[in-house]
N, C-alpha and C. Protein backbone atom coordinates (compact mmCIF):
# COMPACT_ATOMS: atom_id res chain seq x y z
N MET A 1 34.20 33.76 31.69
CA MET A 1 35.04 34.64 32.50
C MET A 1 34.19 35.32 33.57
N LYS A 2 34.60 35.27 34.80
CA LYS A 2 33.87 35.88 35.90
C LYS A 2 34.28 37.33 36.06
N LYS A 3 33.29 38.20 36.26
CA LYS A 3 33.60 39.60 36.48
C LYS A 3 34.41 39.77 37.76
N GLN A 4 35.43 40.62 37.68
CA GLN A 4 36.25 40.91 38.84
C GLN A 4 36.16 42.40 39.14
N GLU A 5 35.64 42.73 40.31
CA GLU A 5 35.47 44.13 40.70
C GLU A 5 36.64 44.56 41.55
N THR A 6 37.16 45.73 41.28
CA THR A 6 38.29 46.26 42.05
C THR A 6 37.85 47.56 42.72
N SER A 7 37.68 47.52 44.05
CA SER A 7 37.28 48.70 44.79
C SER A 7 38.39 49.19 45.70
N GLN A 8 39.58 48.61 45.54
CA GLN A 8 40.74 49.02 46.32
C GLN A 8 42.01 48.66 45.56
N PRO A 9 43.14 49.29 45.91
CA PRO A 9 44.39 49.00 45.19
C PRO A 9 44.80 47.53 45.36
N VAL A 10 45.37 46.96 44.30
CA VAL A 10 45.86 45.58 44.31
C VAL A 10 47.28 45.58 43.74
N ILE A 11 48.20 44.92 44.43
CA ILE A 11 49.58 44.86 43.96
C ILE A 11 49.63 44.19 42.59
N GLY A 12 50.35 44.80 41.67
CA GLY A 12 50.48 44.25 40.33
C GLY A 12 49.41 44.69 39.37
N ALA A 13 48.44 45.49 39.88
CA ALA A 13 47.36 45.96 39.01
C ALA A 13 47.53 47.43 38.62
N GLY A 14 48.56 48.09 39.18
CA GLY A 14 48.77 49.50 38.90
C GLY A 14 47.89 50.37 39.78
N VAL A 15 48.38 51.53 40.13
CA VAL A 15 47.63 52.49 40.95
C VAL A 15 47.77 53.86 40.30
N TYR A 16 46.63 54.46 39.95
CA TYR A 16 46.65 55.74 39.23
C TYR A 16 45.61 56.69 39.84
N THR A 17 45.91 57.98 39.77
CA THR A 17 44.94 59.02 40.08
C THR A 17 44.55 59.70 38.77
N ILE A 18 43.55 60.56 38.84
CA ILE A 18 43.14 61.28 37.64
C ILE A 18 44.27 62.13 37.07
N PRO A 19 45.03 62.89 37.91
CA PRO A 19 46.17 63.63 37.35
C PRO A 19 47.22 62.71 36.71
N ASP A 20 47.47 61.53 37.33
CA ASP A 20 48.40 60.57 36.73
C ASP A 20 47.95 60.21 35.33
N ALA A 21 46.68 59.83 35.22
CA ALA A 21 46.14 59.40 33.94
C ALA A 21 46.16 60.53 32.92
N GLY A 22 45.88 61.74 33.39
CA GLY A 22 45.90 62.89 32.49
C GLY A 22 47.26 63.08 31.85
N LYS A 23 48.32 62.92 32.66
CA LYS A 23 49.67 63.07 32.13
C LYS A 23 50.04 61.93 31.19
N ILE A 24 49.73 60.70 31.59
CA ILE A 24 50.12 59.54 30.80
C ILE A 24 49.36 59.48 29.47
N LEU A 25 48.05 59.77 29.52
CA LEU A 25 47.20 59.59 28.35
C LEU A 25 46.95 60.88 27.57
N GLY A 26 47.24 62.03 28.19
CA GLY A 26 46.99 63.30 27.51
C GLY A 26 45.52 63.63 27.42
N ILE A 27 44.74 63.21 28.41
CA ILE A 27 43.30 63.47 28.43
C ILE A 27 43.02 64.63 29.40
N PRO A 28 42.21 65.62 29.01
CA PRO A 28 41.87 66.71 29.93
C PRO A 28 41.26 66.17 31.22
N LEU A 29 41.69 66.74 32.35
CA LEU A 29 41.26 66.23 33.65
C LEU A 29 39.76 66.35 33.86
N HIS A 30 39.16 67.43 33.37
CA HIS A 30 37.72 67.60 33.60
C HIS A 30 36.90 66.51 32.92
N ARG A 31 37.41 66.00 31.79
CA ARG A 31 36.70 64.91 31.12
C ARG A 31 36.74 63.65 31.97
N MET A 32 37.91 63.31 32.48
CA MET A 32 38.02 62.08 33.27
C MET A 32 37.23 62.18 34.57
N ARG A 33 37.23 63.35 35.20
CA ARG A 33 36.44 63.51 36.42
C ARG A 33 34.96 63.27 36.13
N ARG A 34 34.50 63.77 35.01
CA ARG A 34 33.10 63.60 34.63
C ARG A 34 32.81 62.14 34.28
N TRP A 35 33.71 61.49 33.53
CA TRP A 35 33.50 60.10 33.15
C TRP A 35 33.50 59.17 34.35
N LEU A 36 34.38 59.44 35.32
CA LEU A 36 34.50 58.57 36.49
C LEU A 36 33.47 58.89 37.57
N GLY A 37 33.30 60.17 37.87
CA GLY A 37 32.43 60.57 38.97
C GLY A 37 31.03 60.97 38.58
N GLY A 38 30.80 61.22 37.28
CA GLY A 38 29.49 61.63 36.82
C GLY A 38 29.19 63.08 37.16
N TYR A 39 27.90 63.43 37.07
CA TYR A 39 27.46 64.79 37.36
C TYR A 39 26.03 64.72 37.90
N ILE A 40 25.61 65.81 38.54
CA ILE A 40 24.29 65.87 39.16
C ILE A 40 23.29 66.49 38.18
N LYS A 41 22.17 65.79 37.98
CA LYS A 41 21.09 66.30 37.14
C LYS A 41 19.77 65.96 37.81
N ASP A 42 18.96 66.99 38.04
CA ASP A 42 17.67 66.79 38.72
C ASP A 42 17.85 66.04 40.04
N ALA A 43 18.87 66.46 40.80
CA ALA A 43 19.16 65.91 42.13
C ALA A 43 19.62 64.46 42.10
N GLU A 44 19.96 63.94 40.93
CA GLU A 44 20.45 62.57 40.83
C GLU A 44 21.79 62.56 40.11
N ARG A 45 22.65 61.61 40.50
CA ARG A 45 23.96 61.48 39.86
C ARG A 45 23.83 60.69 38.56
N VAL A 46 24.39 61.25 37.50
CA VAL A 46 24.36 60.61 36.18
C VAL A 46 25.78 60.17 35.84
N LEU A 47 25.95 58.91 35.48
CA LEU A 47 27.24 58.38 35.07
C LEU A 47 27.22 58.22 33.55
N PRO A 48 27.88 59.11 32.82
CA PRO A 48 27.77 59.12 31.36
C PRO A 48 28.27 57.86 30.68
N LEU A 49 29.13 57.08 31.37
CA LEU A 49 29.67 55.85 30.77
C LEU A 49 29.25 54.60 31.54
N GLY A 50 28.38 54.76 32.52
CA GLY A 50 28.11 53.66 33.42
C GLY A 50 29.17 53.64 34.51
N GLU A 51 29.22 52.57 35.29
CA GLU A 51 30.12 52.48 36.43
C GLU A 51 31.51 52.04 35.99
N LEU A 52 32.48 52.96 36.05
CA LEU A 52 33.88 52.63 35.82
C LEU A 52 34.51 52.25 37.16
N GLN A 53 35.28 51.18 37.18
CA GLN A 53 35.84 50.69 38.43
C GLN A 53 36.88 51.65 38.99
N SER A 54 36.69 52.04 40.26
CA SER A 54 37.63 52.94 40.93
C SER A 54 37.38 52.85 42.42
N TRP A 55 38.19 53.56 43.20
CA TRP A 55 38.00 53.61 44.65
C TRP A 55 38.23 55.04 45.10
N GLY A 56 37.67 55.39 46.26
CA GLY A 56 37.84 56.73 46.79
C GLY A 56 36.91 57.73 46.12
N GLN A 57 37.00 58.97 46.56
CA GLN A 57 36.17 60.05 46.06
C GLN A 57 37.00 61.29 45.81
N GLY A 58 36.55 62.14 44.90
CA GLY A 58 37.20 63.42 44.66
C GLY A 58 38.68 63.30 44.36
N GLN A 59 39.50 64.08 45.08
CA GLN A 59 40.94 64.06 44.87
C GLN A 59 41.57 62.73 45.25
N GLU A 60 40.86 61.94 46.07
CA GLU A 60 41.39 60.65 46.52
C GLU A 60 41.00 59.50 45.59
N ARG A 61 40.27 59.79 44.53
CA ARG A 61 39.82 58.72 43.64
C ARG A 61 41.02 58.09 42.93
N GLY A 62 41.05 56.77 42.93
CA GLY A 62 42.12 56.05 42.25
C GLY A 62 41.55 54.88 41.46
N PHE A 63 42.36 54.30 40.60
CA PHE A 63 41.90 53.18 39.77
C PHE A 63 43.08 52.38 39.29
N ASN A 64 42.80 51.22 38.70
CA ASN A 64 43.87 50.33 38.27
C ASN A 64 44.16 50.48 36.78
N PHE A 65 45.05 49.63 36.28
CA PHE A 65 45.50 49.72 34.89
C PHE A 65 44.36 49.49 33.90
N TYR A 66 43.45 48.56 34.22
CA TYR A 66 42.35 48.28 33.29
C TYR A 66 41.44 49.49 33.13
N THR A 67 41.15 50.18 34.23
CA THR A 67 40.34 51.40 34.13
C THR A 67 41.11 52.48 33.37
N LEU A 68 42.42 52.56 33.58
CA LEU A 68 43.25 53.49 32.80
C LEU A 68 43.06 53.25 31.31
N ILE A 69 43.08 51.98 30.90
CA ILE A 69 42.92 51.65 29.49
C ILE A 69 41.50 51.91 29.01
N GLU A 70 40.52 51.70 29.88
CA GLU A 70 39.15 52.05 29.49
C GLU A 70 39.04 53.56 29.22
N LEU A 71 39.68 54.36 30.05
CA LEU A 71 39.68 55.81 29.82
C LEU A 71 40.37 56.14 28.50
N PHE A 72 41.48 55.47 28.23
CA PHE A 72 42.19 55.64 26.96
C PHE A 72 41.27 55.29 25.79
N SER A 73 40.54 54.18 25.91
CA SER A 73 39.64 53.73 24.85
C SER A 73 38.53 54.74 24.61
N VAL A 74 37.90 55.19 25.70
CA VAL A 74 36.81 56.15 25.57
C VAL A 74 37.30 57.43 24.89
N PHE A 75 38.47 57.90 25.29
CA PHE A 75 39.03 59.11 24.68
C PHE A 75 39.25 58.91 23.18
N GLN A 76 39.77 57.75 22.80
CA GLN A 76 39.98 57.48 21.38
C GLN A 76 38.66 57.46 20.62
N PHE A 77 37.62 56.84 21.21
CA PHE A 77 36.31 56.81 20.56
C PHE A 77 35.74 58.21 20.40
N ARG A 78 35.88 59.03 21.44
CA ARG A 78 35.35 60.39 21.36
C ARG A 78 36.11 61.21 20.31
N GLU A 79 37.42 60.99 20.22
CA GLU A 79 38.22 61.70 19.22
C GLU A 79 37.79 61.31 17.81
N GLN A 80 37.26 60.10 17.64
CA GLN A 80 36.77 59.65 16.34
C GLN A 80 35.34 60.09 16.08
N GLY A 81 34.73 60.76 17.07
CA GLY A 81 33.39 61.31 16.87
C GLY A 81 32.26 60.42 17.34
N VAL A 82 32.55 59.35 18.07
CA VAL A 82 31.50 58.48 18.57
C VAL A 82 30.78 59.15 19.73
N ALA A 83 29.45 59.15 19.71
CA ALA A 83 28.66 59.81 20.75
C ALA A 83 28.78 59.08 22.08
N LEU A 84 28.69 59.84 23.19
CA LEU A 84 28.77 59.25 24.52
C LEU A 84 27.67 58.22 24.74
N LYS A 85 26.48 58.49 24.23
CA LYS A 85 25.36 57.55 24.38
C LYS A 85 25.70 56.22 23.71
N THR A 86 26.28 56.28 22.53
CA THR A 86 26.68 55.05 21.83
C THR A 86 27.75 54.31 22.61
N ILE A 87 28.71 55.06 23.14
CA ILE A 87 29.79 54.45 23.93
C ILE A 87 29.22 53.78 25.18
N ARG A 88 28.33 54.46 25.88
CA ARG A 88 27.74 53.91 27.11
C ARG A 88 26.96 52.63 26.82
N GLU A 89 26.13 52.65 25.78
CA GLU A 89 25.33 51.47 25.45
C GLU A 89 26.22 50.32 24.99
N ALA A 90 27.24 50.64 24.20
CA ALA A 90 28.15 49.60 23.72
C ALA A 90 28.92 48.98 24.88
N ARG A 91 29.34 49.83 25.82
CA ARG A 91 30.10 49.32 26.97
C ARG A 91 29.25 48.39 27.81
N ALA A 92 27.99 48.76 28.05
CA ALA A 92 27.09 47.93 28.84
C ALA A 92 26.84 46.59 28.15
N GLU A 93 26.65 46.63 26.83
CA GLU A 93 26.40 45.39 26.09
C GLU A 93 27.63 44.48 26.10
N LEU A 94 28.79 45.07 25.87
CA LEU A 94 30.01 44.27 25.82
C LEU A 94 30.36 43.74 27.21
N SER A 95 30.07 44.51 28.25
CA SER A 95 30.32 44.05 29.62
C SER A 95 29.53 42.78 29.90
N ASP A 96 28.28 42.75 29.45
CA ASP A 96 27.45 41.55 29.64
C ASP A 96 27.95 40.39 28.80
N ARG A 97 28.31 40.66 27.56
CA ARG A 97 28.76 39.59 26.66
C ARG A 97 30.06 38.96 27.15
N LEU A 98 30.97 39.79 27.67
CA LEU A 98 32.27 39.30 28.11
C LEU A 98 32.29 38.95 29.59
N ASN A 99 31.21 39.31 30.30
CA ASN A 99 31.13 39.13 31.76
C ASN A 99 32.35 39.79 32.41
N SER A 100 32.57 41.05 32.05
CA SER A 100 33.77 41.76 32.50
C SER A 100 33.41 43.17 32.96
N HIS A 101 34.08 43.62 34.03
CA HIS A 101 33.93 45.00 34.48
C HIS A 101 34.77 45.96 33.63
N TYR A 102 35.60 45.44 32.75
CA TYR A 102 36.51 46.26 31.96
C TYR A 102 36.38 45.96 30.46
N PRO A 103 35.20 46.09 29.89
CA PRO A 103 35.00 45.69 28.49
C PRO A 103 35.86 46.45 27.50
N PHE A 104 36.14 47.72 27.77
CA PHE A 104 36.94 48.50 26.83
C PHE A 104 38.44 48.30 27.03
N ALA A 105 38.82 47.40 27.92
CA ALA A 105 40.23 47.01 28.05
C ALA A 105 40.49 45.68 27.35
N HIS A 106 39.47 45.16 26.65
CA HIS A 106 39.60 43.89 25.93
C HIS A 106 40.08 44.11 24.49
N GLN A 107 40.75 43.12 23.99
CA GLN A 107 41.21 43.15 22.61
C GLN A 107 40.02 43.04 21.66
N GLY A 108 40.10 43.75 20.54
CA GLY A 108 39.12 43.57 19.48
C GLY A 108 38.03 44.62 19.40
N VAL A 109 38.07 45.68 20.26
CA VAL A 109 37.07 46.74 20.20
C VAL A 109 37.58 47.84 19.27
N VAL A 110 36.81 48.19 18.26
CA VAL A 110 37.23 49.18 17.27
C VAL A 110 36.07 50.12 16.95
N SER A 111 36.36 51.13 16.16
CA SER A 111 35.32 52.10 15.78
C SER A 111 35.54 52.54 14.34
N ASP A 112 34.44 52.82 13.65
CA ASP A 112 34.54 53.38 12.31
C ASP A 112 34.18 54.86 12.32
N GLY A 113 34.12 55.45 13.52
CA GLY A 113 33.82 56.87 13.66
C GLY A 113 32.38 57.15 14.04
N LYS A 114 31.49 56.19 13.86
CA LYS A 114 30.09 56.36 14.25
C LYS A 114 29.64 55.23 15.16
N ARG A 115 30.10 54.02 14.84
CA ARG A 115 29.70 52.83 15.60
C ARG A 115 30.87 52.27 16.37
N LEU A 116 30.56 51.43 17.34
CA LEU A 116 31.57 50.63 18.01
C LEU A 116 31.33 49.18 17.62
N LEU A 117 32.42 48.47 17.34
CA LEU A 117 32.31 47.09 16.89
C LEU A 117 33.28 46.22 17.67
N TYR A 118 32.96 44.94 17.73
CA TYR A 118 33.82 43.99 18.43
C TYR A 118 34.15 42.84 17.48
N GLU A 119 35.45 42.55 17.37
CA GLU A 119 35.90 41.49 16.48
C GLU A 119 35.46 40.14 17.04
N LEU A 120 34.66 39.40 16.27
CA LEU A 120 34.11 38.14 16.75
C LEU A 120 35.15 37.04 16.85
N GLN A 121 36.07 37.02 15.88
CA GLN A 121 37.11 36.00 15.87
C GLN A 121 38.45 36.68 15.63
N GLU A 122 39.44 36.32 16.43
CA GLU A 122 40.77 36.91 16.28
C GLU A 122 41.30 36.62 14.88
N GLY A 123 41.81 37.66 14.25
CA GLY A 123 42.36 37.48 12.91
C GLY A 123 41.32 37.48 11.82
N THR A 124 40.05 37.79 12.18
CA THR A 124 38.98 37.83 11.19
C THR A 124 38.30 39.18 11.26
N PRO A 125 38.99 40.25 10.81
CA PRO A 125 38.44 41.60 10.96
C PRO A 125 37.20 41.88 10.13
N GLU A 126 36.90 41.00 9.15
CA GLU A 126 35.71 41.25 8.35
C GLU A 126 34.43 40.82 9.06
N ALA A 127 34.55 40.09 10.17
CA ALA A 127 33.38 39.66 10.94
C ALA A 127 33.34 40.44 12.25
N MET A 128 32.48 41.46 12.30
CA MET A 128 32.42 42.34 13.46
C MET A 128 31.02 42.35 14.02
N LEU A 129 30.91 42.38 15.33
CA LEU A 129 29.63 42.53 16.00
C LEU A 129 29.41 44.00 16.29
N GLU A 130 28.32 44.57 15.79
CA GLU A 130 28.02 45.97 16.06
C GLU A 130 27.43 46.10 17.45
N LEU A 131 28.02 46.99 18.26
CA LEU A 131 27.62 47.17 19.65
C LEU A 131 26.76 48.41 19.80
N GLY A 132 25.87 48.37 20.78
CA GLY A 132 25.06 49.54 21.07
C GLY A 132 24.06 49.83 19.97
N GLY A 133 23.77 48.85 19.17
CA GLY A 133 22.82 49.03 18.07
C GLY A 133 21.93 47.82 17.95
N THR A 134 21.91 47.23 16.77
CA THR A 134 21.01 46.09 16.53
C THR A 134 21.59 44.79 17.03
N GLY A 135 22.91 44.75 17.30
CA GLY A 135 23.52 43.51 17.73
C GLY A 135 23.78 42.55 16.59
N GLN A 136 23.60 43.01 15.38
CA GLN A 136 23.82 42.18 14.21
C GLN A 136 25.31 42.18 13.85
N THR A 137 25.72 41.17 13.10
CA THR A 137 27.10 41.09 12.63
C THR A 137 27.30 42.02 11.44
N ALA A 138 28.30 42.85 11.50
CA ALA A 138 28.62 43.75 10.40
C ALA A 138 29.87 43.23 9.70
N PHE A 139 29.86 43.18 8.40
CA PHE A 139 31.00 42.66 7.64
C PHE A 139 31.74 43.82 6.98
N ARG A 140 33.04 43.87 7.24
CA ARG A 140 33.89 44.90 6.67
C ARG A 140 35.16 44.24 6.16
N GLU A 141 35.65 44.70 5.04
CA GLU A 141 36.85 44.11 4.45
C GLU A 141 38.10 44.52 5.22
N ILE A 142 38.13 45.77 5.68
CA ILE A 142 39.31 46.27 6.39
C ILE A 142 38.85 46.99 7.65
N MET A 143 39.42 46.64 8.77
CA MET A 143 39.11 47.31 10.03
C MET A 143 40.38 47.44 10.85
N GLU A 144 40.85 48.65 11.00
CA GLU A 144 42.08 48.88 11.76
C GLU A 144 41.76 49.09 13.23
N PRO A 145 42.34 48.28 14.12
CA PRO A 145 42.10 48.52 15.55
C PRO A 145 42.73 49.83 15.99
N PHE A 146 42.00 50.56 16.84
CA PHE A 146 42.53 51.83 17.34
C PHE A 146 43.65 51.60 18.34
N CYS A 147 43.71 50.36 18.90
CA CYS A 147 44.59 50.12 20.04
C CYS A 147 45.95 49.58 19.62
N HIS A 148 46.59 50.20 18.63
CA HIS A 148 47.89 49.72 18.16
C HIS A 148 49.01 49.97 19.16
N ARG A 149 48.72 50.72 20.23
CA ARG A 149 49.74 50.98 21.25
C ARG A 149 49.56 50.09 22.48
N LEU A 150 48.73 49.06 22.34
CA LEU A 150 48.46 48.17 23.47
C LEU A 150 48.92 46.75 23.18
N ASP A 151 49.41 46.07 24.24
CA ASP A 151 49.66 44.63 24.20
C ASP A 151 48.57 43.96 25.00
N PHE A 152 48.13 42.79 24.55
CA PHE A 152 47.05 42.08 25.23
C PHE A 152 47.51 40.71 25.70
N HIS A 153 46.97 40.27 26.83
CA HIS A 153 47.27 38.95 27.37
C HIS A 153 46.68 37.89 26.45
N THR A 154 47.43 36.85 26.19
CA THR A 154 47.01 35.86 25.21
C THR A 154 45.80 35.03 25.64
N SER A 155 45.57 34.89 26.95
CA SER A 155 44.44 34.08 27.40
C SER A 155 43.24 34.93 27.83
N THR A 156 43.47 36.00 28.60
CA THR A 156 42.34 36.83 29.05
C THR A 156 41.91 37.84 27.98
N LEU A 157 42.80 38.13 27.04
CA LEU A 157 42.58 39.15 25.99
C LEU A 157 42.41 40.55 26.57
N LEU A 158 42.81 40.74 27.84
CA LEU A 158 42.80 42.06 28.44
C LEU A 158 44.13 42.77 28.20
N ALA A 159 44.09 44.08 28.12
CA ALA A 159 45.31 44.86 27.93
C ALA A 159 46.27 44.60 29.08
N GLU A 160 47.55 44.45 28.76
CA GLU A 160 48.54 44.26 29.83
C GLU A 160 49.69 45.25 29.77
N ARG A 161 49.86 45.95 28.66
CA ARG A 161 50.89 47.00 28.54
C ARG A 161 50.41 48.08 27.60
N TYR A 162 50.79 49.31 27.90
CA TYR A 162 50.47 50.46 27.05
C TYR A 162 51.77 51.15 26.68
N TRP A 163 51.98 51.34 25.37
CA TRP A 163 53.19 51.99 24.86
C TRP A 163 52.82 53.41 24.45
N PRO A 164 53.02 54.40 25.34
CA PRO A 164 52.56 55.76 25.06
C PRO A 164 53.16 56.39 23.81
N ASN A 165 54.40 56.04 23.47
CA ASN A 165 55.04 56.58 22.26
C ASN A 165 55.21 55.52 21.18
N GLY A 166 54.45 54.45 21.28
CA GLY A 166 54.56 53.37 20.29
C GLY A 166 55.61 52.34 20.70
N ARG A 167 55.56 51.19 20.07
CA ARG A 167 56.44 50.08 20.46
C ARG A 167 57.90 50.30 20.07
N LYS A 168 58.18 51.28 19.23
CA LYS A 168 59.58 51.55 18.88
C LYS A 168 60.32 52.21 20.03
N SER A 169 59.58 52.80 20.96
CA SER A 169 60.18 53.42 22.13
C SER A 169 60.25 52.39 23.26
N SER A 170 61.22 52.55 24.15
CA SER A 170 61.37 51.62 25.28
C SER A 170 60.51 52.04 26.48
N VAL A 171 59.80 53.16 26.38
CA VAL A 171 58.96 53.63 27.47
C VAL A 171 57.62 52.89 27.44
N VAL A 172 57.25 52.31 28.58
CA VAL A 172 56.03 51.51 28.64
C VAL A 172 55.31 51.77 29.96
N VAL A 173 54.00 51.59 29.96
CA VAL A 173 53.20 51.61 31.18
C VAL A 173 52.74 50.18 31.41
N ASP A 174 53.32 49.55 32.43
CA ASP A 174 53.09 48.13 32.70
C ASP A 174 52.78 47.99 34.18
N PRO A 175 51.57 47.52 34.55
CA PRO A 175 51.20 47.45 35.97
C PRO A 175 52.08 46.53 36.80
N HIS A 176 52.84 45.65 36.15
CA HIS A 176 53.72 44.73 36.87
C HIS A 176 55.10 45.33 37.15
N HIS A 177 55.33 46.54 36.67
CA HIS A 177 56.63 47.18 36.88
C HIS A 177 56.42 48.60 37.40
N SER A 178 57.18 48.94 38.43
CA SER A 178 57.19 50.30 38.98
C SER A 178 55.79 50.79 39.35
N PHE A 179 54.94 49.87 39.84
CA PHE A 179 53.58 50.19 40.27
C PHE A 179 52.75 50.81 39.14
N GLY A 180 53.12 50.50 37.91
CA GLY A 180 52.36 51.01 36.77
C GLY A 180 52.79 52.37 36.29
N ARG A 181 53.81 52.96 36.91
CA ARG A 181 54.31 54.25 36.43
C ARG A 181 55.04 54.05 35.10
N PRO A 182 55.10 55.05 34.25
CA PRO A 182 55.90 54.93 33.03
C PRO A 182 57.33 54.54 33.36
N SER A 183 57.83 53.52 32.71
CA SER A 183 59.16 52.99 33.03
C SER A 183 59.83 52.49 31.77
N ILE A 184 61.08 52.04 31.91
CA ILE A 184 61.80 51.44 30.79
C ILE A 184 61.38 49.98 30.69
N SER A 185 61.02 49.56 29.50
CA SER A 185 60.50 48.20 29.28
C SER A 185 61.41 47.14 29.89
N GLY A 186 60.79 46.19 30.63
CA GLY A 186 61.51 45.08 31.22
C GLY A 186 62.24 45.41 32.50
N THR A 187 62.06 46.64 33.01
CA THR A 187 62.73 47.07 34.24
C THR A 187 61.73 47.72 35.19
N ASN A 188 62.19 48.04 36.39
CA ASN A 188 61.41 48.82 37.35
C ASN A 188 61.95 50.25 37.45
N ILE A 189 62.63 50.69 36.40
CA ILE A 189 63.23 52.02 36.40
C ILE A 189 62.23 53.03 35.82
N ALA A 190 61.69 53.87 36.68
CA ALA A 190 60.69 54.85 36.25
C ALA A 190 61.34 55.96 35.45
N THR A 191 60.63 56.43 34.43
CA THR A 191 61.15 57.51 33.61
C THR A 191 61.34 58.79 34.42
N GLU A 192 60.49 59.01 35.44
CA GLU A 192 60.64 60.22 36.26
C GLU A 192 61.92 60.18 37.08
N SER A 193 62.36 58.97 37.48
CA SER A 193 63.62 58.85 38.22
C SER A 193 64.80 59.21 37.33
N ILE A 194 64.75 58.75 36.10
CA ILE A 194 65.81 59.07 35.13
C ILE A 194 65.84 60.58 34.88
N ASN A 195 64.67 61.15 34.68
CA ASN A 195 64.61 62.58 34.37
C ASN A 195 65.07 63.42 35.55
N SER A 196 64.81 62.97 36.78
CA SER A 196 65.25 63.71 37.97
C SER A 196 66.77 63.81 38.02
N LEU A 197 67.44 62.71 37.69
CA LEU A 197 68.91 62.72 37.68
C LEU A 197 69.43 63.64 36.58
N LEU A 198 68.81 63.58 35.42
CA LEU A 198 69.24 64.44 34.32
C LEU A 198 69.02 65.92 34.66
N SER A 199 67.90 66.20 35.31
CA SER A 199 67.60 67.58 35.69
C SER A 199 68.56 68.10 36.75
N ALA A 200 69.13 67.15 37.53
CA ALA A 200 70.09 67.52 38.57
C ALA A 200 71.49 67.73 38.02
N GLY A 201 71.67 67.49 36.71
CA GLY A 201 72.95 67.76 36.08
C GLY A 201 73.73 66.55 35.61
N GLU A 202 73.21 65.34 35.89
CA GLU A 202 73.90 64.14 35.42
C GLU A 202 73.80 64.06 33.90
N SER A 203 74.82 63.51 33.26
CA SER A 203 74.79 63.35 31.81
C SER A 203 74.00 62.11 31.42
N VAL A 204 73.52 62.07 30.18
CA VAL A 204 72.79 60.91 29.67
C VAL A 204 73.65 59.66 29.78
N GLU A 205 74.93 59.80 29.44
CA GLU A 205 75.84 58.66 29.48
C GLU A 205 76.04 58.13 30.90
N ASP A 206 76.18 59.05 31.87
CA ASP A 206 76.38 58.63 33.26
C ASP A 206 75.13 57.94 33.82
N VAL A 207 73.96 58.46 33.49
CA VAL A 207 72.71 57.85 33.96
C VAL A 207 72.54 56.46 33.34
N ALA A 208 72.90 56.34 32.07
CA ALA A 208 72.81 55.04 31.40
C ALA A 208 73.70 54.03 32.10
N GLU A 209 74.91 54.43 32.43
CA GLU A 209 75.84 53.53 33.11
C GLU A 209 75.35 53.20 34.52
N MET A 210 74.79 54.18 35.20
CA MET A 210 74.31 54.01 36.56
C MET A 210 73.20 52.94 36.63
N TYR A 211 72.30 52.97 35.65
CA TYR A 211 71.16 52.05 35.66
C TYR A 211 71.37 50.80 34.78
N GLY A 212 72.49 50.75 34.08
CA GLY A 212 72.72 49.62 33.19
C GLY A 212 71.81 49.65 31.97
N LEU A 213 71.56 50.85 31.46
CA LEU A 213 70.69 51.04 30.31
C LEU A 213 71.49 51.47 29.09
N GLU A 214 70.83 51.41 27.94
CA GLU A 214 71.41 51.97 26.72
C GLU A 214 71.18 53.48 26.72
N VAL A 215 72.08 54.20 26.08
CA VAL A 215 71.96 55.66 26.02
C VAL A 215 70.63 56.07 25.40
N ASN A 216 70.20 55.35 24.36
CA ASN A 216 68.95 55.71 23.69
C ASN A 216 67.74 55.52 24.61
N GLN A 217 67.82 54.56 25.54
CA GLN A 217 66.72 54.37 26.49
C GLN A 217 66.61 55.55 27.44
N VAL A 218 67.73 56.04 27.90
CA VAL A 218 67.73 57.22 28.77
C VAL A 218 67.20 58.43 28.01
N GLN A 219 67.61 58.57 26.77
CA GLN A 219 67.16 59.70 25.96
C GLN A 219 65.65 59.63 25.73
N GLU A 220 65.13 58.41 25.49
CA GLU A 220 63.69 58.24 25.28
C GLU A 220 62.91 58.57 26.56
N ALA A 221 63.46 58.19 27.72
CA ALA A 221 62.82 58.53 28.99
C ALA A 221 62.78 60.04 29.18
N LYS A 222 63.88 60.70 28.86
CA LYS A 222 63.94 62.16 28.98
C LYS A 222 62.92 62.83 28.07
N GLU A 223 62.86 62.39 26.82
CA GLU A 223 61.92 62.97 25.87
C GLU A 223 60.47 62.76 26.31
N PHE A 224 60.21 61.56 26.85
CA PHE A 224 58.85 61.26 27.31
C PHE A 224 58.46 62.18 28.46
N GLU A 225 59.34 62.35 29.42
CA GLU A 225 59.03 63.20 30.57
C GLU A 225 58.85 64.66 30.14
N HIS A 226 59.60 65.09 29.16
CA HIS A 226 59.44 66.44 28.64
C HIS A 226 58.09 66.61 27.94
N GLN A 227 57.64 65.55 27.28
CA GLN A 227 56.31 65.57 26.66
C GLN A 227 55.24 65.74 27.72
N LEU A 228 55.38 65.01 28.84
CA LEU A 228 54.40 65.12 29.91
C LEU A 228 54.38 66.52 30.50
N ALA A 229 55.55 67.10 30.67
CA ALA A 229 55.64 68.44 31.26
C ALA A 229 55.03 69.49 30.35
N ALA A 230 55.11 69.25 29.04
CA ALA A 230 54.58 70.23 28.07
C ALA A 230 53.10 70.08 27.83
N ALA A 231 52.54 68.93 28.24
CA ALA A 231 51.12 68.67 27.95
C ALA A 231 50.20 69.56 28.78
């Protein structure tokens, strides 16, 4: 697989800003700014995770769906207690192994709370490659992937959809629909558009009829938007 670098927006790849990602993923903005833009130490810029693909600077910085998922992955690893140094080293190693600019958007990356591991063979969770360490194969009887809210492409093994409230909900983040904004699965109907109509006084039933949706889909969009507003 050849590395593909994205330094500008691409149709069908999703377009996100740091505030967008903060709302969708529930990650504090200051963390993402630091992960993407780094910080100055001894007059030099330090990138705590290495180079994450993005374009622009400051408030104008944007990125695609794969970088969004990398941010999601890093946040999950940090929540499990994995050190930034371990994450950075593992990301660099996996980037080389997969020849990919988006290693943490690939299927099979998991954590046991201290280490990061990569599933060597699909469907064989007991055979894991330990990343950012000795590079030896680690054998585990049970390994639950952290990415249960992600769908992966069958050939590239890269993430292609993110289900913020799980797959039981119809709300999805899909770069091929609505420019990657949260939308109703299989449509280009953004959840924010649904919520705007509801906030203007339209009933759930009327909005469902207007868009040709089920009532429960409209209700799920409303609940999701309320979650974002409360975050």
